[in-house]
N, C-alpha and C. Protein backbone atom coordinates (compact mmCIF):
# COMPACT_ATOMS: atom_id res chain seq x y z
N MET A 1 3.67 3.92 13.49
CA MET A 1 3.10 4.46 12.27
C MET A 1 2.15 3.42 11.66
N LYS A 2 0.95 3.85 11.31
CA LYS A 2 -0.01 2.98 10.62
C LYS A 2 0.29 3.02 9.13
N VAL A 3 0.33 1.85 8.51
CA VAL A 3 0.53 1.77 7.07
C VAL A 3 -0.61 0.98 6.43
N ALA A 4 -0.86 1.31 5.17
CA ALA A 4 -1.82 0.55 4.37
C ALA A 4 -1.03 -0.52 3.62
N VAL A 5 -1.56 -1.71 3.61
CA VAL A 5 -0.94 -2.84 2.90
C VAL A 5 -1.77 -3.11 1.65
N TRP A 6 -1.10 -3.03 0.49
CA TRP A 6 -1.76 -3.27 -0.79
C TRP A 6 -1.21 -4.59 -1.34
N ASP A 7 -2.07 -5.60 -1.40
CA ASP A 7 -1.72 -6.93 -1.87
C ASP A 7 -1.65 -6.91 -3.40
N THR A 8 -0.50 -7.34 -3.94
CA THR A 8 -0.25 -7.17 -5.37
C THR A 8 0.21 -8.48 -6.01
N TYR A 9 -0.42 -8.82 -7.14
CA TYR A 9 -0.07 -9.99 -7.93
C TYR A 9 0.17 -9.54 -9.36
N VAL A 10 1.37 -9.77 -9.88
CA VAL A 10 1.73 -9.32 -11.22
C VAL A 10 2.28 -10.49 -12.02
N LYS A 11 1.76 -10.68 -13.21
CA LYS A 11 2.23 -11.75 -14.11
C LYS A 11 3.54 -11.32 -14.75
N ARG A 12 4.57 -12.15 -14.58
CA ARG A 12 5.86 -11.88 -15.22
C ARG A 12 5.83 -12.38 -16.66
N THR A 13 6.80 -11.92 -17.45
CA THR A 13 6.86 -12.32 -18.85
C THR A 13 7.14 -13.81 -19.02
N ASP A 14 7.72 -14.45 -17.98
CA ASP A 14 7.98 -15.89 -18.06
C ASP A 14 6.78 -16.72 -17.60
N GLY A 15 5.66 -16.06 -17.31
CA GLY A 15 4.45 -16.76 -16.92
C GLY A 15 4.25 -16.91 -15.43
N LYS A 16 5.30 -16.73 -14.63
CA LYS A 16 5.17 -16.82 -13.18
C LYS A 16 4.45 -15.58 -12.66
N THR A 17 3.82 -15.72 -11.50
CA THR A 17 3.14 -14.61 -10.88
C THR A 17 3.94 -14.12 -9.68
N MET A 18 4.27 -12.84 -9.71
CA MET A 18 4.93 -12.20 -8.56
C MET A 18 3.85 -11.84 -7.55
N HIS A 19 4.16 -12.05 -6.28
CA HIS A 19 3.27 -11.64 -5.20
C HIS A 19 4.09 -10.78 -4.25
N PHE A 20 3.66 -9.54 -4.06
CA PHE A 20 4.34 -8.65 -3.11
C PHE A 20 3.33 -7.68 -2.53
N ASP A 21 3.66 -7.13 -1.38
CA ASP A 21 2.83 -6.12 -0.74
C ASP A 21 3.51 -4.77 -0.90
N ILE A 22 2.73 -3.77 -1.22
CA ILE A 22 3.20 -2.39 -1.25
C ILE A 22 2.72 -1.75 0.05
N LEU A 23 3.67 -1.25 0.83
CA LEU A 23 3.36 -0.66 2.13
C LEU A 23 3.53 0.85 2.04
N VAL A 24 2.49 1.58 2.38
CA VAL A 24 2.48 3.04 2.23
C VAL A 24 1.82 3.68 3.44
N PRO A 25 2.06 5.00 3.64
CA PRO A 25 1.34 5.70 4.70
C PRO A 25 -0.17 5.51 4.52
N ALA A 26 -0.88 5.48 5.61
CA ALA A 26 -2.31 5.15 5.61
C ALA A 26 -3.16 6.01 4.68
N ASP A 27 -2.77 7.25 4.45
CA ASP A 27 -3.61 8.15 3.67
C ASP A 27 -3.21 8.24 2.19
N THR A 28 -2.40 7.31 1.71
CA THR A 28 -1.94 7.33 0.32
C THR A 28 -3.07 6.92 -0.63
N ILE A 29 -3.26 7.69 -1.70
CA ILE A 29 -4.32 7.37 -2.66
C ILE A 29 -3.88 6.25 -3.60
N GLU A 30 -4.86 5.56 -4.15
CA GLU A 30 -4.62 4.37 -4.97
C GLU A 30 -3.68 4.65 -6.15
N SER A 31 -3.87 5.76 -6.85
CA SER A 31 -3.03 6.03 -8.02
C SER A 31 -1.55 6.17 -7.63
N LYS A 32 -1.29 6.69 -6.45
CA LYS A 32 0.09 6.82 -5.97
C LYS A 32 0.66 5.43 -5.63
N VAL A 33 -0.16 4.57 -5.06
CA VAL A 33 0.27 3.21 -4.75
C VAL A 33 0.66 2.48 -6.03
N ILE A 34 -0.16 2.60 -7.06
CA ILE A 34 0.13 1.98 -8.36
C ILE A 34 1.45 2.53 -8.91
N ALA A 35 1.65 3.84 -8.80
CA ALA A 35 2.90 4.45 -9.27
C ALA A 35 4.10 3.89 -8.50
N PHE A 36 3.96 3.72 -7.19
CA PHE A 36 5.05 3.12 -6.41
C PHE A 36 5.32 1.69 -6.86
N GLY A 37 4.27 0.94 -7.15
CA GLY A 37 4.44 -0.43 -7.65
C GLY A 37 5.20 -0.45 -8.97
N LYS A 38 4.91 0.50 -9.84
CA LYS A 38 5.61 0.58 -11.12
C LYS A 38 7.08 0.93 -10.94
N VAL A 39 7.37 1.79 -9.96
CA VAL A 39 8.77 2.10 -9.64
C VAL A 39 9.49 0.82 -9.20
N TYR A 40 8.85 0.07 -8.33
CA TYR A 40 9.43 -1.19 -7.86
C TYR A 40 9.69 -2.14 -9.03
N LEU A 41 8.71 -2.28 -9.93
CA LEU A 41 8.88 -3.18 -11.08
C LEU A 41 10.01 -2.70 -11.99
N LEU A 42 10.16 -1.39 -12.17
CA LEU A 42 11.27 -0.85 -12.95
C LEU A 42 12.61 -1.23 -12.31
N ARG A 43 12.67 -1.13 -10.99
CA ARG A 43 13.90 -1.49 -10.27
C ARG A 43 14.21 -2.98 -10.44
N LYS A 44 13.17 -3.78 -10.60
CA LYS A 44 13.35 -5.22 -10.81
C LYS A 44 13.57 -5.54 -12.30
N ARG A 45 13.59 -4.50 -13.13
CA ARG A 45 13.74 -4.61 -14.58
C ARG A 45 12.58 -5.36 -15.22
N LEU A 46 11.38 -5.05 -14.73
CA LEU A 46 10.16 -5.66 -15.25
C LEU A 46 9.19 -4.57 -15.70
N ALA A 47 9.69 -3.58 -16.39
CA ALA A 47 8.89 -2.42 -16.78
C ALA A 47 7.72 -2.77 -17.69
N SER A 48 7.84 -3.83 -18.47
CA SER A 48 6.78 -4.17 -19.41
C SER A 48 5.60 -4.88 -18.74
N THR A 49 5.74 -5.22 -17.47
CA THR A 49 4.69 -5.90 -16.75
C THR A 49 3.55 -4.93 -16.42
N THR A 50 2.32 -5.37 -16.61
CA THR A 50 1.15 -4.54 -16.33
C THR A 50 0.89 -4.46 -14.84
N LEU A 51 0.58 -3.25 -14.38
CA LEU A 51 0.18 -3.06 -12.98
C LEU A 51 -0.94 -2.04 -12.96
N SER A 52 -2.09 -2.48 -12.47
CA SER A 52 -3.26 -1.60 -12.36
C SER A 52 -4.04 -1.99 -11.12
N SER A 53 -5.21 -1.40 -10.95
CA SER A 53 -6.04 -1.73 -9.79
C SER A 53 -6.53 -3.17 -9.82
N LYS A 54 -6.43 -3.84 -10.98
CA LYS A 54 -6.79 -5.26 -11.05
C LYS A 54 -5.76 -6.12 -10.30
N GLU A 55 -4.49 -5.73 -10.37
CA GLU A 55 -3.41 -6.51 -9.76
C GLU A 55 -3.07 -6.06 -8.34
N CYS A 56 -3.47 -4.85 -8.00
CA CYS A 56 -3.07 -4.24 -6.73
C CYS A 56 -4.32 -3.78 -5.97
N ARG A 57 -4.54 -4.38 -4.80
CA ARG A 57 -5.75 -4.05 -4.04
C ARG A 57 -5.42 -3.80 -2.57
N PHE A 58 -6.14 -2.83 -2.00
CA PHE A 58 -5.99 -2.57 -0.57
C PHE A 58 -6.36 -3.83 0.19
N CYS A 59 -5.54 -4.18 1.17
CA CYS A 59 -5.77 -5.38 1.95
C CYS A 59 -6.16 -5.04 3.40
N HIS A 60 -5.27 -4.31 4.09
CA HIS A 60 -5.54 -3.97 5.48
C HIS A 60 -4.57 -2.89 5.97
N MET A 61 -4.79 -2.44 7.20
CA MET A 61 -3.90 -1.49 7.87
C MET A 61 -3.17 -2.22 8.98
N GLU A 62 -1.94 -1.81 9.24
CA GLU A 62 -1.20 -2.40 10.36
C GLU A 62 -0.16 -1.42 10.87
N ASN A 63 0.35 -1.68 12.07
CA ASN A 63 1.45 -0.89 12.61
C ASN A 63 2.73 -1.37 11.95
N ALA A 64 3.53 -0.42 11.48
CA ALA A 64 4.75 -0.76 10.74
C ALA A 64 5.94 -0.92 11.68
N PRO A 65 6.79 -1.93 11.41
CA PRO A 65 8.05 -2.03 12.14
C PRO A 65 9.03 -0.96 11.65
N ASP A 66 10.10 -0.76 12.39
CA ASP A 66 11.08 0.29 12.08
C ASP A 66 11.65 0.17 10.67
N THR A 67 11.90 -1.03 10.19
CA THR A 67 12.50 -1.18 8.85
C THR A 67 11.56 -0.67 7.76
N VAL A 68 10.27 -0.89 7.94
CA VAL A 68 9.29 -0.39 6.97
C VAL A 68 9.19 1.13 7.05
N ILE A 69 9.20 1.66 8.25
CA ILE A 69 9.16 3.11 8.43
C ILE A 69 10.37 3.76 7.76
N GLN A 70 11.53 3.15 7.88
CA GLN A 70 12.74 3.68 7.23
C GLN A 70 12.60 3.64 5.71
N GLY A 71 12.08 2.55 5.17
CA GLY A 71 11.87 2.43 3.73
C GLY A 71 10.91 3.49 3.21
N ILE A 72 9.84 3.72 3.95
CA ILE A 72 8.87 4.74 3.56
C ILE A 72 9.49 6.13 3.64
N ALA A 73 10.30 6.37 4.66
CA ALA A 73 10.97 7.67 4.80
C ALA A 73 11.90 7.94 3.62
N GLN A 74 12.56 6.89 3.12
CA GLN A 74 13.52 7.03 2.02
C GLN A 74 12.86 7.08 0.65
N ASN A 75 11.81 6.28 0.45
CA ASN A 75 11.24 6.08 -0.89
C ASN A 75 9.78 6.50 -1.04
N GLY A 76 9.10 6.72 0.07
CA GLY A 76 7.66 6.99 0.02
C GLY A 76 6.84 5.72 0.15
N PHE A 77 7.49 4.57 0.03
CA PHE A 77 6.83 3.27 0.12
C PHE A 77 7.86 2.22 0.51
N ASP A 78 7.38 1.04 0.85
CA ASP A 78 8.25 -0.11 1.10
C ASP A 78 7.58 -1.32 0.46
N ILE A 79 8.37 -2.32 0.16
CA ILE A 79 7.85 -3.53 -0.49
C ILE A 79 8.17 -4.74 0.39
N LEU A 80 7.20 -5.60 0.54
CA LEU A 80 7.39 -6.89 1.19
C LEU A 80 7.24 -7.94 0.10
N GLU A 81 8.36 -8.54 -0.31
CA GLU A 81 8.35 -9.55 -1.36
C GLU A 81 7.85 -10.87 -0.79
N MET A 82 6.92 -11.50 -1.50
CA MET A 82 6.33 -12.74 -1.03
C MET A 82 6.71 -13.94 -1.92
N GLU A 83 6.39 -13.86 -3.23
CA GLU A 83 6.64 -14.98 -4.13
C GLU A 83 7.14 -14.50 -5.48
N ASN A 84 8.10 -15.24 -6.04
CA ASN A 84 8.59 -15.04 -7.41
C ASN A 84 9.03 -13.61 -7.71
N CYS A 85 9.67 -12.97 -6.74
CA CYS A 85 10.12 -11.58 -6.92
C CYS A 85 11.59 -11.50 -7.34
N ASN A 86 12.26 -12.62 -7.41
CA ASN A 86 13.67 -12.64 -7.82
C ASN A 86 13.86 -13.46 -9.07
């Protein structure tokens, strides 16, 4: 399965910057990707953090491993946490 990788940087309330990728089916529109990012931030209890097209940008397409495909099947998206996500 080909997925689109959206590179995302979000400023936390403590001043640190979260870096994570939002992985979605290749044909997902930008507004849906942003909505998925907001769902992720809510799950992390960071609802007050701003997320828009300034923080979230299409990066590239790649073939997804099985774990990502499973995450997308369950949630519509998957997240790859990179920095300051905990």
